[in-house]
Amino acid sequence: MTAISTRAPALRTPWLLTVILTGQFMAILDVSIVNVASPMIRSDLGTSGSALQMITSGYTIAYAMLLITGARLGGRYGGRRLFLYGLAGFTAASLACGLAASAEQLIAFRLLQGAGAALMVPQVLSMIQTNFEGVARARALSLYATVISGAAVVGQVLGGVLVSADLLGTTWRPVFLVNVPIGLGLLVVSARLLPGGGPLRHRALDLPGLVTLSLALSLLVVPLVLGHEQDWPLWGWAAMAASVAFTGIFALVERRAAAPLVPARVLRAPGVVTSALAIFGVMATYGGFLFSLALHLQGPLGDSPLRAGLTFVPGAVAFAVASLNWRRVPERLQRRMIVASFGVAALGYLGLSLALSGGGHGQPLLTVALAVTGFGLGGAFSPVLAIALTHVAPEDAPDASGLFVMMAQLGQVVGVATFGTLYLSGGSATSTGVALAVTALATGACALPLLRR
């Protein structure tokens, strides 16, 4: 115990955050970096449209399904150990993706890559919760939110750079292989520097809960991902209806479980459920916004992948500014700021619609609208996460982390599927922007209970 207690405080300076947030960055990066490479993958491997969507989204599906279990394993065996296992699996799967010889292989390896991320990522939020307190924790959570925003944009820019460079004739493969040297280096550093110890919770893994939740999520996510490509077949609607049924079964299973995936005391903690819904809403609009605008920029407007990725930079910078500075707002106003920030984001989405309504890039209004949107989302995401975790006991950090990360990831999947489908089904960038604005306002309304302390 002495070694741990003397070592941990030194790591609560930049090293601990640098290590774990780099792992977080890699996992989020891989959600968006593949989008830019999709046309090259399709050409090189001769994939069908459905297979290409599974290559793009298989990672997210496995990631979302296993997040809560990854968090539970971290609580049972230690966040450090699970972070290292997840990082090793993610890195190995990235190498396999880069060397894949067929679409089937690439789909399988993307699923394994998502499973590795699901083991690694929940430990990031859990280690922040257990190793930082007060203002230091709030700042760490702000950096956490900034990494989520920045990685999504950097993924599109970096993907454009790597695909355009066509290194040694490898076309799309470097978008996966770039993870390998970073992952190996991070493994070495993490093994040496991440603190061990901490309370372990030797609880059952709740396999019935895992199975029913995985079925519920799969039956929702897979039809959302593949529905538009296959013109919304009957099986997709049946699967989504079955998802509702399995969600009910999951709730019944959890009521009788000795060690439920998300303990009732976590859900009863003040603000946790409301915050989880708010996080879902933020990521749904953010994911849908990134996806649909990228399609519009590279489609009707004819931008290159690199130029399209760079277009998002003002929004990411504004997100970071809001995430890192919200603590400057007086504490008595911070909860009101969360609700107001959703209104700011809605204004940004409406500005986006107006900028693109003329059929061109709509500059400089587009840049202003992107910055306003990013500022609003950053002003909502970081404080809502910090406020929610304030009421969660350190021993419940793994369970709360799994819940919040899963809601963020599911929000992104649902947002991409919903707003992407709206755009691809004949909706203009203008109508999609209006839909995003309405959703942002609805999410702000859902966050109103946070005003009650």
Protein backbone atom coordinates (compact mmCIF):
# COMPACT_ATOMS: atom_id res chain seq x y z
CA MET A 1 0.00 0.00 0.00
CA THR A 2 2.87 2.36 0.72
CA ALA A 3 4.25 2.10 -2.80
CA ILE A 4 0.90 2.90 -4.27
CA SER A 5 0.19 5.86 -2.05
CA THR A 6 3.58 7.46 -2.73
CA ARG A 7 3.39 6.88 -6.45
CA ALA A 8 -0.15 7.93 -7.28
CA PRO A 9 0.07 11.62 -6.28
CA ALA A 10 2.95 12.24 -8.70
CA LEU A 11 0.87 10.79 -11.48
CA ARG A 12 -2.01 13.10 -10.77
CA THR A 13 0.00 15.70 -12.61
CA PRO A 14 0.12 15.51 -16.37
CA TRP A 15 1.28 11.88 -16.69
CA LEU A 16 -1.84 10.05 -15.59
CA LEU A 17 -4.13 12.15 -17.79
CA THR A 18 -1.72 12.05 -20.72
CA VAL A 19 -1.58 8.26 -20.69
CA ILE A 20 -5.24 7.46 -20.24
CA LEU A 21 -6.54 10.25 -22.49
CA THR A 22 -4.22 9.11 -25.28
CA GLY A 23 -5.95 5.73 -25.11
CA GLN A 24 -9.32 7.49 -25.16
CA PHE A 25 -8.19 9.57 -28.14
CA MET A 26 -7.21 6.47 -30.12
CA ALA A 27 -10.56 4.79 -29.49
CA ILE A 28 -12.61 7.83 -30.55
CA LEU A 29 -10.31 8.50 -33.50
CA ASP A 30 -11.11 5.09 -34.93
CA VAL A 31 -14.82 5.88 -35.09
CA SER A 32 -14.30 8.67 -37.64
CA ILE A 33 -11.00 7.97 -39.38
CA VAL A 34 -12.45 5.04 -41.33
CA ASN A 35 -15.24 7.13 -42.89
CA VAL A 36 -12.76 8.93 -45.14
CA ALA A 37 -11.16 5.66 -46.26
CA SER A 38 -14.46 3.92 -47.10
CA PRO A 39 -14.41 4.57 -50.88
CA MET A 40 -10.87 3.16 -51.15
CA ILE A 41 -11.77 0.12 -49.05
CA ARG A 42 -14.77 -0.56 -51.27
CA SER A 43 -12.68 -0.29 -54.42
CA ASP A 44 -9.77 -2.38 -53.14
CA LEU A 45 -11.72 -5.20 -51.48
CA GLY A 46 -14.78 -5.12 -53.75
CA THR A 47 -17.18 -4.85 -50.83
CA SER A 48 -20.95 -4.47 -51.06
CA GLY A 49 -22.62 -1.43 -49.56
CA SER A 50 -23.86 -3.44 -46.57
CA ALA A 51 -20.43 -4.93 -45.94
CA LEU A 52 -18.88 -1.47 -46.11
CA GLN A 53 -21.33 -0.20 -43.52
CA MET A 54 -20.48 -3.13 -41.26
CA ILE A 55 -16.77 -2.34 -41.68
CA THR A 56 -17.48 1.24 -40.68
CA SER A 57 -19.94 0.50 -37.89
CA GLY A 58 -18.93 -2.97 -36.65
CA TYR A 59 -16.40 -1.30 -34.38
CA THR A 60 -19.08 0.92 -32.86
CA ILE A 61 -21.52 -1.97 -32.43
CA ALA A 62 -19.06 -4.11 -30.44
CA TYR A 63 -17.85 -1.05 -28.57
CA ALA A 64 -21.34 -0.01 -27.45
CA MET A 65 -22.46 -3.52 -26.50
CA LEU A 66 -19.51 -4.33 -24.25
CA LEU A 67 -18.84 -1.00 -22.52
CA ILE A 68 -20.74 -1.72 -19.32
CA THR A 69 -19.16 -5.16 -19.05
CA GLY A 70 -15.73 -3.57 -19.61
CA ALA A 71 -16.46 -1.20 -16.75
CA ARG A 72 -17.57 -4.08 -14.50
CA LEU A 73 -14.40 -6.02 -15.29
CA GLY A 74 -12.37 -2.93 -14.40
CA GLY A 75 -14.07 -2.77 -11.02
CA ARG A 76 -13.46 -6.48 -10.46
CA TYR A 77 -9.85 -6.82 -11.64
CA GLY A 78 -8.56 -3.25 -11.54
CA GLY A 79 -8.70 -0.35 -13.99
CA ARG A 80 -4.98 -0.50 -14.73
CA ARG A 81 -5.07 -4.16 -15.74
CA LEU A 82 -8.15 -3.78 -17.94
CA PHE A 83 -6.78 -0.64 -19.56
CA LEU A 84 -3.64 -2.57 -20.52
CA TYR A 85 -5.59 -5.62 -21.75
CA GLY A 86 -7.96 -3.45 -23.77
CA LEU A 87 -5.12 -1.40 -25.25
CA ALA A 88 -3.21 -4.55 -26.22
CA GLY A 89 -6.30 -6.05 -27.88
CA PHE A 90 -7.11 -2.79 -29.66
CA THR A 91 -3.54 -2.49 -30.98
CA ALA A 92 -3.39 -6.11 -32.17
CA ALA A 93 -6.78 -5.81 -33.87
CA SER A 94 -5.65 -2.58 -35.56
CA LEU A 95 -2.68 -4.44 -37.04
CA ALA A 96 -4.98 -7.22 -38.23
CA CYS A 97 -7.35 -4.67 -39.81
CA GLY A 98 -4.46 -3.07 -41.68
CA LEU A 99 -3.41 -6.47 -43.06
CA ALA A 100 -6.90 -7.80 -43.84
CA ALA A 101 -7.24 -9.49 -47.23
CA SER A 102 -11.05 -9.50 -47.52
CA ALA A 103 -14.12 -7.63 -46.39
CA GLU A 104 -15.11 -10.55 -44.14
CA GLN A 105 -11.75 -10.46 -42.37
CA LEU A 106 -11.94 -6.71 -41.95
CA ILE A 107 -15.43 -6.90 -40.43
CA ALA A 108 -14.28 -9.55 -37.94
CA PHE A 109 -11.18 -7.59 -36.96
CA ARG A 110 -13.20 -4.38 -36.56
CA LEU A 111 -15.46 -6.20 -34.11
CA LEU A 112 -12.38 -7.30 -32.13
CA GLN A 113 -11.04 -3.76 -32.26
CA GLY A 114 -14.31 -2.49 -30.78
CA ALA A 115 -14.13 -5.12 -28.03
CA GLY A 116 -10.63 -3.94 -27.11
CA ALA A 117 -11.83 -0.34 -26.94
CA ALA A 118 -14.74 -1.42 -24.73
CA LEU A 119 -12.29 -2.87 -22.21
CA MET A 120 -10.02 0.18 -22.29
CA VAL A 121 -12.26 3.24 -22.49
CA PRO A 122 -14.46 2.82 -19.36
CA GLN A 123 -11.30 2.68 -17.25
CA VAL A 124 -10.42 6.23 -18.34
CA LEU A 125 -13.46 7.83 -16.72
CA SER A 126 -13.20 5.49 -13.74
CA MET A 127 -9.54 6.41 -13.11
CA ILE A 128 -10.38 10.10 -13.35
CA GLN A 129 -13.16 9.60 -10.81
CA THR A 130 -10.96 7.70 -8.35
CA ASN A 131 -7.69 9.62 -8.73
CA PHE A 132 -8.86 13.24 -8.83
CA GLU A 133 -11.01 15.36 -6.55
CA GLY A 134 -12.71 18.75 -6.64
CA VAL A 135 -11.39 21.26 -9.15
CA ALA A 136 -8.75 18.81 -10.40
CA ARG A 137 -11.46 16.29 -11.26
CA ALA A 138 -13.55 18.91 -13.05
CA ARG A 139 -10.56 19.96 -15.13
CA ALA A 140 -9.72 16.35 -15.94
CA LEU A 141 -13.32 15.78 -17.08
CA SER A 142 -13.11 18.90 -19.23
CA LEU A 143 -10.00 17.51 -20.92
CA TYR A 144 -11.83 14.19 -21.30
CA ALA A 145 -14.68 15.95 -23.14
CA THR A 146 -12.22 17.90 -25.27
CA VAL A 147 -10.52 14.69 -26.35
CA ILE A 148 -13.86 13.23 -27.45
CA SER A 149 -14.59 16.29 -29.60
CA GLY A 150 -11.09 16.70 -30.94
CA ALA A 151 -10.54 13.05 -31.79
CA ALA A 152 -13.70 12.92 -33.91
CA VAL A 153 -12.47 15.86 -36.03
CA VAL A 154 -8.81 14.80 -36.08
CA GLY A 155 -9.92 11.38 -37.30
CA GLN A 156 -11.47 12.89 -40.41
CA VAL A 157 -8.49 15.17 -41.10
CA LEU A 158 -5.89 12.45 -40.44
CA GLY A 159 -7.86 9.98 -42.52
CA GLY A 160 -7.84 12.42 -45.42
CA VAL A 161 -4.09 12.96 -45.08
CA LEU A 162 -3.23 9.24 -44.91
CA VAL A 163 -5.49 8.19 -47.77
CA SER A 164 -4.29 11.06 -49.96
CA ALA A 165 -0.63 10.24 -49.23
CA ASP A 166 -1.09 6.61 -50.41
CA LEU A 167 2.03 5.55 -48.52
CA LEU A 168 3.92 2.87 -50.47
CA GLY A 169 0.73 2.11 -52.39
CA THR A 170 -1.10 1.03 -49.25
CA THR A 171 -4.11 3.36 -49.90
CA TRP A 172 -6.54 2.82 -46.96
CA ARG A 173 -4.45 0.53 -44.75
CA PRO A 174 -2.53 3.24 -42.83
CA VAL A 175 -5.77 4.46 -41.21
CA PHE A 176 -5.58 1.26 -39.14
CA LEU A 177 -1.82 0.74 -39.02
CA VAL A 178 -1.24 4.21 -37.55
CA ASN A 179 -2.60 2.82 -34.26
CA VAL A 180 0.11 0.17 -34.01
CA PRO A 181 3.22 2.23 -33.13
CA ILE A 182 1.16 4.55 -30.94
CA GLY A 183 -0.47 1.62 -29.17
CA LEU A 184 2.82 -0.19 -28.59
CA GLY A 185 4.46 2.93 -27.19
CA LEU A 186 1.46 3.62 -24.97
CA LEU A 187 1.54 0.03 -23.68
CA VAL A 188 5.13 0.44 -22.53
CA VAL A 189 4.43 3.77 -20.86
CA SER A 190 1.16 2.60 -19.28
CA ALA A 191 2.74 -0.55 -17.81
CA ARG A 192 5.40 1.60 -16.13
CA LEU A 193 3.38 4.58 -14.99
CA LEU A 194 -0.29 3.77 -14.40
CA PRO A 195 -1.08 3.42 -10.70
CA GLY A 196 -2.31 0.08 -9.47
CA GLY A 197 -4.24 -0.69 -6.36
CA GLY A 198 -7.57 0.87 -5.52
CA PRO A 199 -10.68 -0.89 -4.25
CA LEU A 200 -11.60 -4.03 -6.16
CA ARG A 201 -15.18 -5.21 -6.23
CA HIS A 202 -15.40 -8.97 -6.50
CA ARG A 203 -18.90 -9.11 -7.90
CA ALA A 204 -20.46 -11.52 -10.34
CA LEU A 205 -20.43 -10.46 -13.99
CA ASP A 206 -24.22 -10.76 -14.41
CA LEU A 207 -24.10 -12.85 -17.59
CA PRO A 208 -27.90 -12.89 -18.03
CA GLY A 209 -27.88 -9.10 -17.92
CA LEU A 210 -24.99 -8.94 -20.39
CA VAL A 211 -26.72 -11.30 -22.84
CA THR A 212 -30.10 -9.54 -22.75
CA LEU A 213 -28.55 -6.06 -22.95
CA SER A 214 -26.30 -7.13 -25.85
CA LEU A 215 -29.31 -8.54 -27.69
CA ALA A 216 -31.32 -5.37 -27.06
CA LEU A 217 -28.51 -3.14 -28.31
CA SER A 218 -27.70 -5.34 -31.31
CA LEU A 219 -31.32 -5.50 -32.40
CA LEU A 220 -31.44 -1.69 -32.27
CA VAL A 221 -28.04 -0.75 -33.69
CA VAL A 222 -27.73 -3.20 -36.60
CA PRO A 223 -31.02 -2.18 -38.29
CA LEU A 224 -30.18 1.49 -37.76
CA VAL A 225 -26.80 0.99 -39.40
CA LEU A 226 -27.99 -1.13 -42.33
CA GLY A 227 -31.59 0.06 -42.73
CA HIS A 228 -31.07 2.85 -45.25
CA GLU A 229 -28.72 0.80 -47.41
CA GLN A 230 -31.34 -1.96 -47.69
CA ASP A 231 -34.35 0.37 -48.06
CA TRP A 232 -35.65 -0.33 -44.54
CA PRO A 233 -36.69 -3.98 -44.92
CA LEU A 234 -39.29 -5.66 -42.74
CA TRP A 235 -36.66 -7.57 -40.77
CA GLY A 236 -35.18 -4.27 -39.62
CA TRP A 237 -38.45 -3.02 -38.18
CA ALA A 238 -39.05 -6.40 -36.56
CA ALA A 239 -35.58 -6.31 -35.02
CA MET A 240 -36.14 -2.83 -33.58
CA ALA A 241 -39.48 -3.93 -32.13
CA ALA A 242 -37.72 -6.95 -30.61
CA SER A 243 -35.13 -4.55 -29.17
CA VAL A 244 -37.88 -2.89 -27.14
CA ALA A 245 -39.01 -6.29 -25.87
CA PHE A 246 -35.48 -7.31 -24.89
CA THR A 247 -35.00 -3.97 -23.13
CA GLY A 248 -38.00 -4.88 -20.97
CA ILE A 249 -36.59 -8.35 -20.37
CA PHE A 250 -33.26 -6.78 -19.41
CA ALA A 251 -35.02 -4.55 -16.86
CA LEU A 252 -36.74 -7.60 -15.34
CA VAL A 253 -33.49 -9.58 -15.24
CA GLU A 254 -31.71 -6.69 -13.55
CA ARG A 255 -34.37 -6.39 -10.86
CA ARG A 256 -33.65 -9.97 -9.79
CA ALA A 257 -29.89 -9.95 -10.34
CA ALA A 258 -27.62 -10.23 -7.33
CA ALA A 259 -25.05 -7.97 -9.02
CA PRO A 260 -26.82 -5.97 -11.77
CA LEU A 261 -24.77 -4.33 -14.51
CA VAL A 262 -25.82 -0.88 -13.29
CA PRO A 263 -26.71 -0.99 -9.57
CA ALA A 264 -29.90 0.79 -8.56
CA ARG A 265 -27.99 3.05 -6.16
CA VAL A 266 -26.04 4.46 -9.12
CA LEU A 267 -29.24 5.23 -11.00
CA ARG A 268 -30.72 6.76 -7.83
CA ALA A 269 -27.76 9.12 -7.35
CA PRO A 270 -28.93 12.71 -7.93
CA GLY A 271 -28.71 13.75 -11.57
CA VAL A 272 -27.35 10.47 -12.94
CA VAL A 273 -30.32 9.49 -15.12
CA THR A 274 -30.90 13.06 -16.31
CA SER A 275 -27.19 13.46 -17.08
CA ALA A 276 -27.10 10.17 -18.97
CA LEU A 277 -29.98 11.35 -21.18
CA ALA A 278 -28.27 14.70 -21.72
CA ILE A 279 -25.01 12.98 -22.70
CA PHE A 280 -26.96 10.79 -25.12
CA GLY A 281 -28.53 13.89 -26.68
CA VAL A 282 -25.24 15.76 -27.01
CA MET A 283 -23.54 12.86 -28.77
CA ALA A 284 -26.57 12.08 -30.94
CA THR A 285 -26.63 15.58 -32.39
CA TYR A 286 -22.82 15.81 -32.56
CA GLY A 287 -22.45 12.46 -34.31
CA GLY A 288 -25.29 13.16 -36.72
CA PHE A 289 -23.91 16.62 -37.42
CA LEU A 290 -20.40 15.35 -38.23
CA PHE A 291 -21.68 12.55 -40.45
CA SER A 292 -24.30 14.45 -42.46
CA LEU A 293 -22.18 17.56 -42.96
CA ALA A 294 -19.21 15.44 -44.09
CA LEU A 295 -21.48 13.79 -46.68
CA HIS A 296 -22.69 17.19 -47.87
CA LEU A 297 -19.21 18.66 -48.12
CA GLN A 298 -17.76 15.69 -50.03
CA GLY A 299 -20.91 15.12 -52.10
CA PRO A 300 -22.78 18.14 -53.51
CA LEU A 301 -20.01 20.60 -52.66
CA GLY A 302 -17.23 18.37 -54.02
CA ASP A 303 -14.69 18.92 -51.23
CA SER A 304 -11.75 16.59 -50.80
CA PRO A 305 -11.66 14.46 -47.63
CA LEU A 306 -8.91 16.70 -46.25
CA ARG A 307 -10.75 19.95 -46.92
CA ALA A 308 -13.96 18.51 -45.48
CA GLY A 309 -12.13 17.46 -42.31
CA LEU A 310 -10.52 20.88 -41.90
CA THR A 311 -13.95 22.52 -42.15
CA PHE A 312 -14.83 21.04 -38.75
CA VAL A 313 -11.83 22.54 -36.95
CA PRO A 314 -13.57 25.76 -35.75
CA GLY A 315 -16.28 23.68 -34.09
CA ALA A 316 -13.74 21.44 -32.36
CA VAL A 317 -11.73 24.44 -31.13
CA ALA A 318 -14.89 26.10 -29.74
CA PHE A 319 -15.88 22.82 -28.05
CA ALA A 320 -12.46 22.71 -26.41
CA VAL A 321 -12.65 26.35 -25.27
CA ALA A 322 -16.04 25.79 -23.63
CA SER A 323 -14.98 22.45 -22.10
CA LEU A 324 -11.85 23.88 -20.54
CA ASN A 325 -13.33 27.10 -19.22
CA TRP A 326 -16.83 26.34 -17.94
CA ARG A 327 -15.53 26.29 -14.36
CA ARG A 328 -15.00 30.05 -14.64
CA VAL A 329 -18.77 30.47 -14.53
CA PRO A 330 -19.98 31.06 -10.94
CA GLU A 331 -21.09 27.79 -9.36
CA ARG A 332 -24.63 29.04 -8.77
CA LEU A 333 -25.04 29.50 -12.55
CA GLN A 334 -23.40 26.31 -13.81
CA ARG A 335 -26.56 24.20 -13.95
CA ARG A 336 -28.41 26.95 -15.78
CA MET A 337 -25.46 27.16 -18.15
CA ILE A 338 -26.00 23.51 -19.13
CA VAL A 339 -29.57 24.15 -20.25
CA ALA A 340 -28.62 27.43 -21.94
CA SER A 341 -25.79 25.69 -23.81
CA PHE A 342 -28.25 23.40 -25.56
CA GLY A 343 -30.02 26.54 -26.77
CA VAL A 344 -26.70 27.90 -28.05
CA ALA A 345 -26.07 24.63 -29.90
CA ALA A 346 -29.55 24.84 -31.45
CA LEU A 347 -28.74 28.36 -32.71
CA GLY A 348 -25.56 27.00 -34.24
CA TYR A 349 -27.45 24.25 -36.07
CA LEU A 350 -29.94 26.80 -37.39
CA GLY A 351 -27.03 28.96 -38.53
CA LEU A 352 -25.62 25.92 -40.30
CA SER A 353 -28.92 25.46 -42.14
CA LEU A 354 -28.98 29.10 -43.18
CA ALA A 355 -25.35 29.05 -44.35
CA LEU A 356 -25.89 26.03 -46.59
CA SER A 357 -29.33 27.01 -47.88
CA GLY A 358 -27.87 28.78 -50.94
CA GLY A 359 -26.20 25.64 -52.29
CA GLY A 360 -22.61 26.75 -51.60
CA HIS A 361 -20.25 26.72 -48.65
CA GLY A 362 -21.94 29.77 -47.15
CA GLN A 363 -18.76 31.33 -45.79
CA PRO A 364 -18.10 33.05 -43.44
CA LEU A 365 -21.47 32.17 -41.82
CA LEU A 366 -20.65 28.46 -41.94
CA THR A 367 -17.50 28.94 -39.84
CA VAL A 368 -19.39 31.08 -37.32
CA ALA A 369 -22.22 28.53 -37.10
CA LEU A 370 -19.75 25.69 -36.55
CA ALA A 371 -18.03 27.62 -33.77
CA VAL A 372 -21.35 28.45 -32.08
CA THR A 373 -22.43 24.81 -32.29
CA GLY A 374 -19.17 23.54 -30.82
CA PHE A 375 -19.27 26.11 -28.03
CA GLY A 376 -22.80 25.13 -27.09
CA LEU A 377 -22.08 21.39 -27.07
CA GLY A 378 -18.89 21.87 -25.07
CA GLY A 379 -20.72 24.05 -22.56
CA ALA A 380 -23.24 21.26 -22.01
CA PHE A 381 -21.19 18.05 -22.12
CA SER A 382 -18.36 18.77 -19.68
CA PRO A 383 -20.38 20.24 -16.78
CA VAL A 384 -23.19 17.70 -17.04
CA LEU A 385 -20.65 14.91 -16.69
CA ALA A 386 -18.88 16.60 -13.79
CA ILE A 387 -22.09 17.31 -11.90
CA ALA A 388 -23.34 13.74 -12.33
CA LEU A 389 -20.12 12.18 -11.07
CA THR A 390 -20.08 14.48 -8.03
CA HIS A 391 -22.84 12.35 -6.51
CA VAL A 392 -21.34 8.95 -7.41
CA ALA A 393 -19.30 7.21 -4.73
CA PRO A 394 -15.73 6.26 -5.78
CA GLU A 395 -16.52 2.55 -5.36
CA ASP A 396 -19.33 2.95 -7.92
CA ALA A 397 -17.09 4.75 -10.42
CA PRO A 398 -16.68 1.71 -12.75
CA ASP A 399 -20.44 1.18 -13.03
CA ALA A 400 -21.16 4.89 -13.55
CA SER A 401 -18.34 5.12 -16.09
CA GLY A 402 -19.73 2.24 -18.10
CA LEU A 403 -23.19 3.80 -18.09
CA PHE A 404 -22.06 7.25 -19.23
CA VAL A 405 -19.64 5.99 -21.88
CA MET A 406 -22.28 3.59 -23.23
CA MET A 407 -24.84 6.40 -23.45
CA ALA A 408 -22.33 8.59 -25.28
CA GLN A 409 -21.51 5.84 -27.76
CA LEU A 410 -25.13 4.84 -28.30
CA GLY A 411 -26.00 8.49 -28.81
CA GLN A 412 -23.42 8.72 -31.55
CA VAL A 413 -24.66 5.54 -33.26
CA VAL A 414 -28.30 6.62 -33.11
CA GLY A 415 -27.42 10.15 -34.23
CA VAL A 416 -25.44 8.97 -37.25
CA ALA A 417 -28.18 6.52 -38.23
CA THR A 418 -31.06 8.96 -37.69
CA PHE A 419 -29.69 12.19 -39.11
CA GLY A 420 -27.61 10.39 -41.72
CA THR A 421 -30.73 8.59 -42.91
CA LEU A 422 -32.64 11.89 -42.98
CA TYR A 423 -29.95 13.42 -45.19
CA LEU A 424 -29.47 10.36 -47.43
CA SER A 425 -33.22 9.92 -47.89
CA GLY A 426 -33.52 13.18 -49.76
CA GLY A 427 -33.36 15.67 -46.95
CA SER A 428 -31.21 18.71 -47.60
CA ALA A 429 -28.45 20.00 -45.35
CA THR A 430 -30.91 22.74 -44.37
CA SER A 431 -33.63 20.37 -43.18
CA THR A 432 -31.08 18.20 -41.37
CA GLY A 433 -29.76 21.26 -39.56
CA VAL A 434 -33.27 22.17 -38.44
CA ALA A 435 -33.81 18.61 -37.16
CA LEU A 436 -30.54 18.84 -35.23
CA ALA A 437 -31.65 22.15 -33.70
CA VAL A 438 -34.98 20.70 -32.58
CA THR A 439 -33.20 17.71 -31.02
CA ALA A 440 -30.77 19.99 -29.18
CA LEU A 441 -33.67 21.99 -27.74
CA ALA A 442 -35.48 18.78 -26.71
CA THR A 443 -32.34 17.57 -24.96
CA GLY A 444 -32.08 20.90 -23.15
CA ALA A 445 -35.64 20.40 -21.95
CA CYS A 446 -34.72 16.93 -20.68
CA ALA A 447 -31.86 18.52 -18.72
CA LEU A 448 -34.18 20.90 -16.84
CA PRO A 449 -34.34 18.62 -13.74
CA LEU A 450 -30.66 19.43 -13.18
CA LEU A 451 -31.76 22.91 -12.11
CA ARG A 452 -33.19 21.33 -8.98
CA ARG A 453 -30.29 20.70 -6.64
